[in-house]
N, C-alpha and C. Protein backbone atom coordinates (compact mmCIF):
# COMPACT_ATOMS: atom_id res chain seq x y z
N MET A 1 0.81 -1.19 0.00
CA MET A 1 0.00 0.00 0.00
C MET A 1 0.86 1.26 0.00
N GLY A 2 2.02 1.16 0.57
CA GLY A 2 2.91 2.32 0.60
C GLY A 2 3.33 2.75 -0.79
N PHE A 3 3.46 1.76 -1.67
CA PHE A 3 3.84 2.07 -3.04
C PHE A 3 2.77 2.90 -3.73
N PHE A 4 1.49 2.53 -3.53
CA PHE A 4 0.40 3.24 -4.19
C PHE A 4 0.27 4.67 -3.66
N SER A 5 0.40 4.85 -2.36
CA SER A 5 0.29 6.20 -1.82
C SER A 5 1.45 7.07 -2.28
N SER A 6 2.62 6.48 -2.38
CA SER A 6 3.78 7.22 -2.90
C SER A 6 3.60 7.56 -4.37
N ALA A 7 3.09 6.61 -5.14
CA ALA A 7 2.88 6.84 -6.57
C ALA A 7 1.81 7.90 -6.79
N ILE A 8 0.77 7.91 -5.99
CA ILE A 8 -0.28 8.92 -6.13
C ILE A 8 0.25 10.30 -5.76
N SER A 9 1.08 10.36 -4.74
CA SER A 9 1.68 11.64 -4.36
C SER A 9 2.57 12.18 -5.47
N ILE A 10 3.36 11.30 -6.07
CA ILE A 10 4.23 11.72 -7.18
C ILE A 10 3.39 12.14 -8.38
N LEU A 11 2.33 11.39 -8.67
CA LEU A 11 1.45 11.72 -9.79
C LEU A 11 0.78 13.08 -9.57
N GLN A 12 0.36 13.34 -8.34
CA GLN A 12 -0.27 14.63 -8.04
C GLN A 12 0.72 15.77 -8.26
N THR A 13 1.94 15.60 -7.78
CA THR A 13 2.96 16.64 -7.97
C THR A 13 3.25 16.85 -9.45
N LEU A 14 3.32 15.78 -10.20
CA LEU A 14 3.61 15.86 -11.63
C LEU A 14 2.49 16.57 -12.38
N VAL A 15 1.25 16.25 -12.09
CA VAL A 15 0.11 16.86 -12.77
C VAL A 15 0.02 18.35 -12.44
N VAL A 16 0.25 18.70 -11.18
CA VAL A 16 0.22 20.11 -10.79
C VAL A 16 1.35 20.88 -11.46
N ALA A 17 2.53 20.26 -11.56
CA ALA A 17 3.66 20.93 -12.21
C ALA A 17 3.39 21.15 -13.70
N ILE A 18 2.79 20.18 -14.35
CA ILE A 18 2.45 20.33 -15.77
C ILE A 18 1.42 21.45 -15.94
N GLY A 19 0.42 21.49 -15.07
CA GLY A 19 -0.58 22.55 -15.12
C GLY A 19 0.02 23.92 -14.89
N ALA A 20 0.95 24.00 -13.94
CA ALA A 20 1.61 25.28 -13.67
C ALA A 20 2.44 25.72 -14.87
N GLY A 21 3.13 24.79 -15.49
CA GLY A 21 3.91 25.13 -16.69
C GLY A 21 3.03 25.62 -17.81
N LEU A 22 1.90 24.97 -18.00
CA LEU A 22 0.95 25.40 -19.03
C LEU A 22 0.39 26.78 -18.72
N GLY A 23 0.11 27.04 -17.44
CA GLY A 23 -0.39 28.35 -17.05
C GLY A 23 0.64 29.45 -17.26
N VAL A 24 1.89 29.17 -16.93
CA VAL A 24 2.95 30.16 -17.14
C VAL A 24 3.13 30.43 -18.63
N TRP A 25 3.08 29.38 -19.43
CA TRP A 25 3.20 29.55 -20.88
C TRP A 25 2.04 30.40 -21.41
N GLY A 26 0.85 30.20 -20.84
CA GLY A 26 -0.30 31.00 -21.23
C GLY A 26 -0.14 32.47 -20.87
N VAL A 27 0.42 32.74 -19.69
CA VAL A 27 0.65 34.13 -19.29
C VAL A 27 1.66 34.79 -20.22
N ILE A 28 2.70 34.05 -20.59
CA ILE A 28 3.70 34.60 -21.51
C ILE A 28 3.06 34.93 -22.86
N ASN A 29 2.25 34.02 -23.38
CA ASN A 29 1.57 34.28 -24.65
C ASN A 29 0.59 35.44 -24.53
N LEU A 30 -0.08 35.55 -23.40
CA LEU A 30 -1.03 36.64 -23.19
C LEU A 30 -0.31 37.98 -23.17
N LEU A 31 0.79 38.06 -22.45
CA LEU A 31 1.55 39.31 -22.40
C LEU A 31 2.16 39.65 -23.76
N GLU A 32 2.60 38.62 -24.46
CA GLU A 32 3.13 38.84 -25.81
C GLU A 32 2.04 39.38 -26.74
N GLY A 33 0.83 38.87 -26.58
CA GLY A 33 -0.29 39.34 -27.38
C GLY A 33 -0.65 40.78 -27.09
N TYR A 34 -0.59 41.17 -25.82
CA TYR A 34 -0.85 42.55 -25.47
C TYR A 34 0.27 43.47 -25.95
N GLY A 35 1.51 42.99 -25.89
CA GLY A 35 2.63 43.81 -26.33
C GLY A 35 2.63 44.07 -27.81
N ALA A 36 2.25 43.09 -28.59
CA ALA A 36 2.26 43.22 -30.04
C ALA A 36 0.87 43.57 -30.59
N ASP A 37 -0.11 43.76 -29.71
CA ASP A 37 -1.49 44.02 -30.09
C ASP A 37 -1.99 42.96 -31.08
N ASN A 38 -1.79 41.71 -30.68
CA ASN A 38 -2.14 40.57 -31.51
C ASN A 38 -3.29 39.81 -30.84
N PRO A 39 -4.51 39.93 -31.38
CA PRO A 39 -5.64 39.26 -30.74
C PRO A 39 -5.53 37.74 -30.75
N GLY A 40 -4.86 37.17 -31.74
CA GLY A 40 -4.69 35.72 -31.79
C GLY A 40 -3.84 35.21 -30.65
N ALA A 41 -2.76 35.91 -30.36
CA ALA A 41 -1.89 35.51 -29.27
C ALA A 41 -2.57 35.71 -27.92
N LYS A 42 -3.38 36.76 -27.80
CA LYS A 42 -4.13 36.99 -26.57
C LYS A 42 -5.11 35.84 -26.33
N SER A 43 -5.80 35.45 -27.37
CA SER A 43 -6.78 34.37 -27.26
C SER A 43 -6.09 33.06 -26.89
N GLN A 44 -5.00 32.76 -27.55
CA GLN A 44 -4.27 31.53 -27.26
C GLN A 44 -3.73 31.56 -25.83
N GLY A 45 -3.24 32.71 -25.40
CA GLY A 45 -2.71 32.83 -24.05
C GLY A 45 -3.75 32.61 -22.98
N ILE A 46 -4.92 33.19 -23.16
CA ILE A 46 -5.97 33.02 -22.15
C ILE A 46 -6.47 31.58 -22.14
N LYS A 47 -6.53 30.94 -23.30
CA LYS A 47 -6.94 29.53 -23.35
C LYS A 47 -5.92 28.64 -22.63
N GLN A 48 -4.64 28.91 -22.85
CA GLN A 48 -3.61 28.11 -22.18
C GLN A 48 -3.62 28.36 -20.68
N LEU A 49 -3.85 29.60 -20.28
CA LEU A 49 -3.90 29.92 -18.86
C LEU A 49 -5.06 29.19 -18.19
N MET A 50 -6.22 29.19 -18.81
CA MET A 50 -7.38 28.51 -18.25
C MET A 50 -7.18 26.99 -18.25
N ALA A 51 -6.56 26.47 -19.30
CA ALA A 51 -6.30 25.03 -19.34
C ALA A 51 -5.32 24.62 -18.24
N GLY A 52 -4.31 25.45 -18.01
CA GLY A 52 -3.36 25.18 -16.93
C GLY A 52 -4.06 25.17 -15.58
N GLY A 53 -4.96 26.11 -15.37
CA GLY A 53 -5.74 26.12 -14.13
C GLY A 53 -6.60 24.88 -13.98
N GLY A 54 -7.17 24.42 -15.08
CA GLY A 54 -7.97 23.20 -15.04
C GLY A 54 -7.14 21.98 -14.71
N VAL A 55 -5.95 21.89 -15.27
CA VAL A 55 -5.07 20.76 -15.00
C VAL A 55 -4.63 20.79 -13.54
N ILE A 56 -4.34 21.98 -13.01
CA ILE A 56 -3.98 22.08 -11.60
C ILE A 56 -5.14 21.64 -10.72
N LEU A 57 -6.35 22.02 -11.09
CA LEU A 57 -7.54 21.62 -10.34
C LEU A 57 -7.70 20.10 -10.35
N ILE A 58 -7.47 19.49 -11.49
CA ILE A 58 -7.52 18.03 -11.58
C ILE A 58 -6.46 17.40 -10.68
N GLY A 59 -5.26 17.98 -10.70
CA GLY A 59 -4.19 17.43 -9.88
C GLY A 59 -4.45 17.55 -8.39
N THR A 60 -5.10 18.62 -7.97
CA THR A 60 -5.33 18.80 -6.54
C THR A 60 -6.61 18.14 -6.04
N GLN A 61 -7.60 17.95 -6.91
CA GLN A 61 -8.89 17.42 -6.47
C GLN A 61 -9.12 15.96 -6.88
N LEU A 62 -8.78 15.61 -8.09
CA LEU A 62 -9.13 14.29 -8.60
C LEU A 62 -8.07 13.23 -8.29
N VAL A 63 -6.81 13.58 -8.47
CA VAL A 63 -5.75 12.59 -8.28
C VAL A 63 -5.72 12.03 -6.86
N PRO A 64 -5.89 12.85 -5.80
CA PRO A 64 -5.89 12.26 -4.45
C PRO A 64 -7.03 11.27 -4.22
N GLN A 65 -8.10 11.38 -4.97
CA GLN A 65 -9.20 10.44 -4.80
C GLN A 65 -8.86 9.06 -5.34
N LEU A 66 -7.79 8.96 -6.11
CA LEU A 66 -7.36 7.65 -6.60
C LEU A 66 -6.91 6.74 -5.47
N SER A 67 -6.50 7.33 -4.35
CA SER A 67 -6.06 6.50 -3.23
C SER A 67 -7.22 5.67 -2.67
N GLY A 68 -8.45 6.12 -2.85
CA GLY A 68 -9.60 5.36 -2.41
C GLY A 68 -9.82 4.09 -3.21
N LEU A 69 -9.29 4.03 -4.40
CA LEU A 69 -9.43 2.83 -5.22
C LEU A 69 -8.58 1.68 -4.70
N PHE A 70 -7.50 2.01 -4.03
CA PHE A 70 -6.56 0.97 -3.59
C PHE A 70 -6.56 0.77 -2.07
N GLY A 71 -7.32 1.57 -1.36
CA GLY A 71 -7.26 1.50 0.11
C GLY A 71 -8.44 0.91 0.76
């Protein structure tokens, strides 16, 4: 059982890190869009930012519930 709880903890950290990276990439694209007055880059940036937030939410809320499957 220790293996599963450790694996879930690592998976949660990994999913949150991927979401944070996607969110940071979205902020960079958003700022680039505002700097160059490019509506396409602004749109892509806000979509990436929201997707990163969604992935972080999945990592913090859904992944820990996987421990109930094995416990």
